[in-house]
Amino acid sequence: MADILPMPGALCRHHTMGRCLYEEHLNPGYSLAWRCRVLMRWESAFDDFLVRAELFGVGQDVAPDLWERRFERVARSFDCEGYALCREAESPACAHVCEGICRLALPVCEGRCRHFQLPEANREPSQSK
């Protein structure tokens, strides 16, 4: 007997590059494991910078220049084995980052499932209930 294969889920509104965004759409930002590690490091470095700047009494007129120099060093030292350059994308210019989420960390789409939904633009008026 032949194996039954699931229908592809590529047209689903939760589908992105072979991965499933369903859980992220239910609870945005809940799973830290899906967040882009590079962006998380940058956010942490910025938070540390703000704490230090406040402790040292750095003025608001000087802080942006100091952060710009600090960020140049931080941005050069990021490492991610899944990084794929995408010049059209915003920083960190990675093809796998979508709204701060690393697509590679998301669960693989197994095909059409009970959560399958067409994107809003593709729905017919009778389906929009």
Protein backbone atom coordinates (compact mmCIF):
# COMPACT_ATOMS: atom_id res chain seq x y z
CA MET A 1 0.00 0.00 0.00
CA ALA A 2 1.28 3.48 -0.86
CA ASP A 3 2.17 6.05 1.78
CA ILE A 4 -0.30 8.89 2.11
CA LEU A 5 1.43 12.26 2.00
CA PRO A 6 -0.09 15.41 3.51
CA MET A 7 -1.05 18.25 1.19
CA PRO A 8 1.48 21.09 1.26
CA GLY A 9 0.74 23.98 3.57
CA ALA A 10 2.47 26.65 1.46
CA LEU A 11 -0.75 28.67 0.97
CA CYS A 12 -1.52 28.81 4.70
CA ARG A 13 -1.35 32.19 6.42
CA HIS A 14 0.84 30.61 9.12
CA HIS A 15 3.37 29.20 6.62
CA THR A 16 6.73 30.91 6.13
CA MET A 17 9.69 29.36 4.31
CA GLY A 18 8.64 25.81 5.19
CA ARG A 19 8.02 26.68 8.84
CA CYS A 20 4.85 27.14 10.88
CA LEU A 21 4.00 30.44 12.58
CA TYR A 22 0.72 29.21 14.11
CA GLU A 23 1.93 29.14 17.73
CA GLU A 24 3.63 32.53 17.29
CA HIS A 25 0.41 34.01 15.92
CA LEU A 26 -1.49 32.66 18.96
CA ASN A 27 0.97 34.09 21.52
CA PRO A 28 3.28 36.67 19.89
CA GLY A 29 6.67 36.80 21.60
CA TYR A 30 5.86 34.02 24.08
CA SER A 31 8.56 31.60 22.99
CA LEU A 32 11.99 33.13 23.54
CA ALA A 33 13.53 30.13 21.77
CA TRP A 34 12.15 31.43 18.47
CA ARG A 35 13.57 34.93 18.84
CA CYS A 36 16.56 35.88 16.69
CA ARG A 37 19.65 35.32 18.84
CA VAL A 38 21.54 38.14 17.14
CA LEU A 39 18.78 40.66 17.87
CA MET A 40 18.52 39.42 21.45
CA ARG A 41 22.27 39.97 21.92
CA TRP A 42 21.98 43.46 20.43
CA GLU A 43 19.07 44.29 22.75
CA SER A 44 21.03 43.01 25.74
CA ALA A 45 24.09 45.06 24.73
CA PHE A 46 21.91 48.16 24.40
CA ASP A 47 20.32 47.58 27.82
CA ASP A 48 23.78 47.17 29.36
CA PHE A 49 24.91 50.35 27.63
CA LEU A 50 21.95 52.31 29.03
CA VAL A 51 22.63 51.08 32.57
CA ARG A 52 26.31 52.01 32.32
CA ALA A 53 25.56 55.38 30.73
CA GLU A 54 23.17 56.20 33.57
CA LEU A 55 25.66 55.06 36.23
CA PHE A 56 28.42 57.21 34.72
CA GLY A 57 26.10 60.19 34.23
CA VAL A 58 26.53 60.32 30.46
CA GLY A 59 24.40 63.11 28.99
CA GLN A 60 21.71 62.57 26.39
CA ASP A 61 23.67 64.66 23.90
CA VAL A 62 26.71 62.33 24.08
CA ALA A 63 25.01 58.94 24.49
CA PRO A 64 23.92 58.45 20.84
CA ASP A 65 27.50 58.91 19.58
CA LEU A 66 28.85 56.52 22.20
CA TRP A 67 26.20 53.92 21.37
CA GLU A 68 26.92 54.23 17.64
CA ARG A 69 30.58 53.41 18.23
CA ARG A 70 29.71 50.60 20.65
CA PHE A 71 27.16 49.15 18.24
CA GLU A 72 29.74 49.04 15.42
CA ARG A 73 31.83 46.69 17.57
CA VAL A 74 28.82 44.63 18.69
CA ALA A 75 27.48 44.26 15.14
CA ARG A 76 30.83 43.02 13.82
CA SER A 77 31.10 40.27 16.41
CA PHE A 78 27.73 38.54 15.99
CA ASP A 79 27.77 34.90 15.05
CA CYS A 80 24.91 32.74 13.90
CA GLU A 81 25.33 29.47 12.04
CA GLY A 82 22.00 29.99 10.23
CA TYR A 83 22.77 33.50 8.97
CA ALA A 84 21.88 34.09 5.30
CA LEU A 85 22.55 37.56 3.90
CA CYS A 86 19.52 39.34 2.46
CA ARG A 87 20.27 42.88 1.32
CA GLU A 88 16.57 43.80 1.18
CA ALA A 89 16.03 42.90 4.85
CA GLU A 90 16.48 45.25 7.79
CA SER A 91 19.24 44.70 10.34
CA PRO A 92 20.65 42.13 10.87
CA ALA A 93 19.97 41.66 7.12
CA CYS A 94 19.24 37.95 7.52
CA ALA A 95 16.84 36.12 5.23
CA HIS A 96 15.58 34.03 8.16
CA VAL A 97 14.45 36.91 10.41
CA CYS A 98 10.75 37.77 10.32
CA GLU A 99 9.56 40.40 12.83
CA GLY A 100 12.31 39.45 15.28
CA ILE A 101 11.64 35.72 14.94
CA CYS A 102 14.18 33.29 13.49
CA ARG A 103 12.32 31.14 10.98
CA LEU A 104 14.86 28.35 11.44
CA ALA A 105 13.83 28.03 15.10
CA LEU A 106 10.14 27.59 14.25
CA PRO A 107 8.62 24.12 13.92
CA VAL A 108 8.73 22.62 10.43
CA CYS A 109 5.43 22.80 8.55
CA GLU A 110 4.07 19.27 8.23
CA GLY A 111 1.61 20.26 5.49
CA ARG A 112 -2.07 21.10 5.71
CA CYS A 113 -3.30 20.59 9.24
CA ARG A 114 -6.30 21.59 11.33
CA HIS A 115 -4.83 25.11 11.69
CA PHE A 116 -4.63 25.67 7.93
CA GLN A 117 -6.09 29.06 6.92
CA LEU A 118 -5.87 31.02 3.71
CA PRO A 119 -4.40 34.53 4.03
CA GLU A 120 -7.06 37.23 4.46
CA ALA A 121 -6.41 38.67 0.97
CA ASN A 122 -7.13 35.27 -0.66
CA ARG A 123 -10.36 34.58 1.20
CA GLU A 124 -13.71 34.84 -0.51
CA PRO A 125 -16.39 36.95 1.26
CA SER A 126 -18.32 33.80 2.25
CA GLN A 127 -15.20 32.44 4.05
CA SER A 128 -14.53 35.48 6.25
CA LYS A 129 -16.73 34.40 9.18
